[in-house]
Amino acid sequence: MYFLEYLNKANDFHDSCISSLVKYGVGSCGPRGFYGTIDVHLDCELKIANFLGTPDSILYSYGISTIFSVIPAFYKKGDIIVADEGVHWAVQNDPHLSRSTVVYFKHNDMASLASTLEKLTRGNKRAEKIRRYIVVESIYQVQCF
């Protein structure tokens, strides 16, 4: 069903949307640290955490915000990041900011991933101590492969 047709047929949903817009506005379109947190943010995060069985969760207003704030918290200089060549451009650029070594494997090709990991560790005396990350997406935004 076309989305706008759904809105025309779902008055309760429509009224709820209007009520939320009147109460909260259209949103900050930015990080909560700059623009504030409202009760529905916290309620939603709590519901997500409970659903996932985790102590906490966090919401971001935009996917790139997540990429540039969460992922770099794990990488550091000297790490090796092995990424699917089909990941979003922001995911491709983000690891370079950490000064980690970034290597790509063929899109959705597990043989390529295995080969890439093998090449990175073969003959490397420090291989056990080097932190390695495999970066993939569950749904690829751009399918050009």
C-alpha atoms as a PDB file:
ATOM      1  CA  MET A   1       0.000   0.000   0.000  1.00  0.00           C
ATOM      2  CA  TYR A   2       1.268   3.452  -0.856  1.00  0.00           C
ATOM      3  CA  PHE A   3       2.342   5.263   2.329  1.00  0.00           C
ATOM      4  CA  LEU A   4       0.101   8.313   1.909  1.00  0.00           C
ATOM      5  CA  GLU A   5      -2.921   6.066   1.297  1.00  0.00           C
ATOM      6  CA  TYR A   6      -2.165   4.406   4.610  1.00  0.00           C
ATOM      7  CA  LEU A   7      -2.160   7.775   6.357  1.00  0.00           C
ATOM      8  CA  ASN A   8      -5.541   8.647   4.885  1.00  0.00           C
ATOM      9  CA  LYS A   9      -7.017   5.384   6.191  1.00  0.00           C
ATOM     10  CA  ALA A  10      -5.400   5.435   9.619  1.00  0.00           C
ATOM     11  CA  ASN A  11      -6.887   8.419  11.443  1.00  0.00           C
ATOM     12  CA  ASP A  12      -5.571   7.305  14.841  1.00  0.00           C
ATOM     13  CA  PHE A  13      -2.063   7.094  13.457  1.00  0.00           C
ATOM     14  CA  HIS A  14      -2.457  10.431  11.725  1.00  0.00           C
ATOM     15  CA  ASP A  15      -3.762  12.094  14.902  1.00  0.00           C
ATOM     16  CA  SER A  16      -0.897  10.609  16.918  1.00  0.00           C
ATOM     17  CA  CYS A  17       1.632  12.014  14.442  1.00  0.00           C
ATOM     18  CA  ILE A  18       0.072  15.481  14.587  1.00  0.00           C
ATOM     19  CA  SER A  19       0.018  15.367  18.392  1.00  0.00           C
ATOM     20  CA  SER A  20       3.711  14.408  18.502  1.00  0.00           C
ATOM     21  CA  LEU A  21       4.649  17.185  16.088  1.00  0.00           C
ATOM     22  CA  VAL A  22       2.782  19.743  18.189  1.00  0.00           C
ATOM     23  CA  LYS A  23       4.397  18.494  21.423  1.00  0.00           C
ATOM     24  CA  TYR A  24       7.981  17.880  20.246  1.00  0.00           C
ATOM     25  CA  GLY A  25       8.426  19.701  16.943  1.00  0.00           C
ATOM     26  CA  VAL A  26      10.036  18.186  13.879  1.00  0.00           C
ATOM     27  CA  GLY A  27      13.297  17.213  15.532  1.00  0.00           C
ATOM     28  CA  SER A  28      16.739  18.642  15.902  1.00  0.00           C
ATOM     29  CA  CYS A  29      18.313  16.751  13.008  1.00  0.00           C
ATOM     30  CA  GLY A  30      21.489  16.689  15.035  1.00  0.00           C
ATOM     31  CA  PRO A  31      23.197  15.065  17.997  1.00  0.00           C
ATOM     32  CA  ARG A  32      21.392  15.119  21.308  1.00  0.00           C
ATOM     33  CA  GLY A  33      24.513  16.450  23.005  1.00  0.00           C
ATOM     34  CA  PHE A  34      23.995  19.696  21.107  1.00  0.00           C
ATOM     35  CA  TYR A  35      20.223  19.858  20.819  1.00  0.00           C
ATOM     36  CA  GLY A  36      18.971  18.018  23.882  1.00  0.00           C
ATOM     37  CA  THR A  37      17.218  14.812  24.806  1.00  0.00           C
ATOM     38  CA  ILE A  38      13.489  14.397  25.196  1.00  0.00           C
ATOM     39  CA  ASP A  39      11.493  11.769  27.056  1.00  0.00           C
ATOM     40  CA  VAL A  40      10.602   9.771  23.955  1.00  0.00           C
ATOM     41  CA  HIS A  41      14.311   9.308  23.128  1.00  0.00           C
ATOM     42  CA  LEU A  42      14.923   7.739  26.521  1.00  0.00           C
ATOM     43  CA  ASP A  43      11.722   5.665  26.414  1.00  0.00           C
ATOM     44  CA  CYS A  44      12.595   4.297  22.983  1.00  0.00           C
ATOM     45  CA  GLU A  45      16.174   3.467  24.011  1.00  0.00           C
ATOM     46  CA  LEU A  46      14.890   1.639  27.096  1.00  0.00           C
ATOM     47  CA  LYS A  47      12.433  -0.389  25.017  1.00  0.00           C
ATOM     48  CA  ILE A  48      15.173  -1.312  22.535  1.00  0.00           C
ATOM     49  CA  ALA A  49      17.550  -2.321  25.343  1.00  0.00           C
ATOM     50  CA  ASN A  50      14.862  -4.460  26.978  1.00  0.00           C
ATOM     51  CA  PHE A  51      14.032  -6.102  23.652  1.00  0.00           C
ATOM     52  CA  LEU A  52      17.717  -6.877  22.989  1.00  0.00           C
ATOM     53  CA  GLY A  53      18.398  -7.927  26.582  1.00  0.00           C
ATOM     54  CA  THR A  54      21.132  -5.318  27.017  1.00  0.00           C
ATOM     55  CA  PRO A  55      21.606  -2.778  29.824  1.00  0.00           C
ATOM     56  CA  ASP A  56      21.422   0.207  27.461  1.00  0.00           C
ATOM     57  CA  SER A  57      20.972   1.272  23.871  1.00  0.00           C
ATOM     58  CA  ILE A  58      21.511   4.508  21.999  1.00  0.00           C
ATOM     59  CA  LEU A  59      19.718   6.100  19.069  1.00  0.00           C
ATOM     60  CA  TYR A  60      21.265   8.331  16.456  1.00  0.00           C
ATOM     61  CA  SER A  61      19.333  10.674  14.212  1.00  0.00           C
ATOM     62  CA  TYR A  62      21.315   9.692  11.139  1.00  0.00           C
ATOM     63  CA  GLY A  63      23.301   6.645  10.087  1.00  0.00           C
ATOM     64  CA  ILE A  64      26.478   8.573   9.352  1.00  0.00           C
ATOM     65  CA  SER A  65      26.418   9.937  12.906  1.00  0.00           C
ATOM     66  CA  THR A  66      26.587   6.362  14.127  1.00  0.00           C
ATOM     67  CA  ILE A  67      29.409   5.516  11.780  1.00  0.00           C
ATOM     68  CA  PHE A  68      31.543   8.487  12.777  1.00  0.00           C
ATOM     69  CA  SER A  69      30.991   8.194  16.531  1.00  0.00           C
ATOM     70  CA  VAL A  70      30.557   4.542  17.477  1.00  0.00           C
ATOM     71  CA  ILE A  71      32.857   2.688  15.118  1.00  0.00           C
ATOM     72  CA  PRO A  72      35.969   4.840  15.803  1.00  0.00           C
ATOM     73  CA  ALA A  73      35.625   4.136  19.514  1.00  0.00           C
ATOM     74  CA  PHE A  74      36.901   0.622  18.785  1.00  0.00           C
ATOM     75  CA  TYR A  75      39.699   1.266  16.268  1.00  0.00           C
ATOM     76  CA  LYS A  76      43.185   2.438  17.127  1.00  0.00           C
ATOM     77  CA  LYS A  77      46.511   2.820  15.381  1.00  0.00           C
ATOM     78  CA  GLY A  78      47.969  -0.572  14.577  1.00  0.00           C
ATOM     79  CA  ASP A  79      44.631  -2.363  14.228  1.00  0.00           C
ATOM     80  CA  ILE A  80      43.718  -4.121  11.006  1.00  0.00           C
ATOM     81  CA  ILE A  81      40.283  -3.512   9.559  1.00  0.00           C
ATOM     82  CA  VAL A  82      39.060  -5.913   6.902  1.00  0.00           C
ATOM     83  CA  ALA A  83      35.984  -4.470   5.202  1.00  0.00           C
ATOM     84  CA  ASP A  84      33.594  -5.601   2.512  1.00  0.00           C
ATOM     85  CA  GLU A  85      34.250  -3.457  -0.561  1.00  0.00           C
ATOM     86  CA  GLY A  86      30.508  -2.776  -0.765  1.00  0.00           C
ATOM     87  CA  VAL A  87      30.136  -0.937   2.547  1.00  0.00           C
ATOM     88  CA  HIS A  88      28.792   2.622   2.566  1.00  0.00           C
ATOM     89  CA  TRP A  89      31.346   5.323   1.646  1.00  0.00           C
ATOM     90  CA  ALA A  90      31.327   6.633   5.218  1.00  0.00           C
ATOM     91  CA  VAL A  91      32.244   3.192   6.540  1.00  0.00           C
ATOM     92  CA  GLN A  92      35.051   3.047   3.964  1.00  0.00           C
ATOM     93  CA  ASN A  93      36.451   6.435   5.006  1.00  0.00           C
ATOM     94  CA  ASP A  94      35.970   6.227   8.760  1.00  0.00           C
ATOM     95  CA  PRO A  95      38.659   3.601   9.543  1.00  0.00           C
ATOM     96  CA  HIS A  96      41.314   5.720   7.825  1.00  0.00           C
ATOM     97  CA  LEU A  97      40.727   8.442  10.432  1.00  0.00           C
ATOM     98  CA  SER A  98      41.905   6.041  13.136  1.00  0.00           C
ATOM     99  CA  ARG A  99      45.178   5.423  11.297  1.00  0.00           C
ATOM    100  CA  SER A 100      44.421   1.709  11.249  1.00  0.00           C
ATOM    101  CA  THR A 101      45.419  -0.511   8.360  1.00  0.00           C
ATOM    102  CA  VAL A 102      42.387  -0.979   6.112  1.00  0.00           C
ATOM    103  CA  VAL A 103      42.062  -3.850   3.646  1.00  0.00           C
ATOM    104  CA  TYR A 104      39.011  -4.701   1.525  1.00  0.00           C
ATOM    105  CA  PHE A 105      37.668  -8.065   0.426  1.00  0.00           C
ATOM    106  CA  LYS A 106      35.303  -8.803  -2.480  1.00  0.00           C
ATOM    107  CA  HIS A 107      31.657  -7.993  -1.775  1.00  0.00           C
ATOM    108  CA  ASN A 108      29.824 -10.820   0.034  1.00  0.00           C
ATOM    109  CA  ASP A 109      32.625 -13.243  -0.863  1.00  0.00           C
ATOM    110  CA  MET A 110      33.584 -15.356   2.153  1.00  0.00           C
ATOM    111  CA  ALA A 111      36.421 -17.042   0.260  1.00  0.00           C
ATOM    112  CA  SER A 112      37.890 -13.595  -0.416  1.00  0.00           C
ATOM    113  CA  LEU A 113      37.502 -12.702   3.276  1.00  0.00           C
ATOM    114  CA  ALA A 114      39.224 -15.913   4.388  1.00  0.00           C
ATOM    115  CA  SER A 115      42.045 -15.378   1.899  1.00  0.00           C
ATOM    116  CA  THR A 116      42.493 -11.760   2.992  1.00  0.00           C
ATOM    117  CA  LEU A 117      42.665 -12.729   6.675  1.00  0.00           C
ATOM    118  CA  GLU A 118      45.142 -15.512   5.886  1.00  0.00           C
ATOM    119  CA  LYS A 119      47.424 -13.144   3.940  1.00  0.00           C
ATOM    120  CA  LEU A 120      47.391 -10.652   6.809  1.00  0.00           C
ATOM    121  CA  THR A 121      48.467 -13.182   9.424  1.00  0.00           C
ATOM    122  CA  ARG A 122      50.717 -15.563   7.472  1.00  0.00           C
ATOM    123  CA  GLY A 123      54.307 -15.154   8.605  1.00  0.00           C
ATOM    124  CA  ASN A 124      53.478 -12.274  10.952  1.00  0.00           C
ATOM    125  CA  LYS A 125      55.069 -12.899  14.362  1.00  0.00           C
ATOM    126  CA  ARG A 126      52.793 -10.303  15.955  1.00  0.00           C
ATOM    127  CA  ALA A 127      49.597 -11.713  14.403  1.00  0.00           C
ATOM    128  CA  GLU A 128      48.187 -12.949  17.728  1.00  0.00           C
ATOM    129  CA  LYS A 129      48.556  -9.500  19.295  1.00  0.00           C
ATOM    130  CA  ILE A 130      47.136  -7.453  16.423  1.00  0.00           C
ATOM    131  CA  ARG A 131      43.492  -6.578  16.796  1.00  0.00           C
ATOM    132  CA  ARG A 132      41.473  -7.325  13.676  1.00  0.00           C
ATOM    133  CA  TYR A 133      37.970  -6.150  12.818  1.00  0.00           C
ATOM    134  CA  ILE A 134      35.726  -7.402  10.061  1.00  0.00           C
ATOM    135  CA  VAL A 135      33.365  -4.695   8.832  1.00  0.00           C
ATOM    136  CA  VAL A 136      30.220  -5.602   6.912  1.00  0.00           C
ATOM    137  CA  GLU A 137      26.686  -4.264   6.690  1.00  0.00           C
ATOM    138  CA  SER A 138      23.476  -6.211   7.119  1.00  0.00           C
ATOM    139  CA  ILE A 139      21.780  -4.291   4.306  1.00  0.00           C
ATOM    140  CA  TYR A 140      23.969  -2.649   1.702  1.00  0.00           C
ATOM    141  CA  GLN A 141      22.785   0.818   0.767  1.00  0.00           C
ATOM    142  CA  VAL A 142      24.485   0.824  -2.598  1.00  0.00           C
ATOM    143  CA  GLN A 143      24.393  -2.306  -4.738  1.00  0.00           C
ATOM    144  CA  CYS A 144      26.853  -1.692  -7.531  1.00  0.00           C
ATOM    145  CA  PHE A 145      28.547  -5.068  -7.545  1.00  0.00           C
END
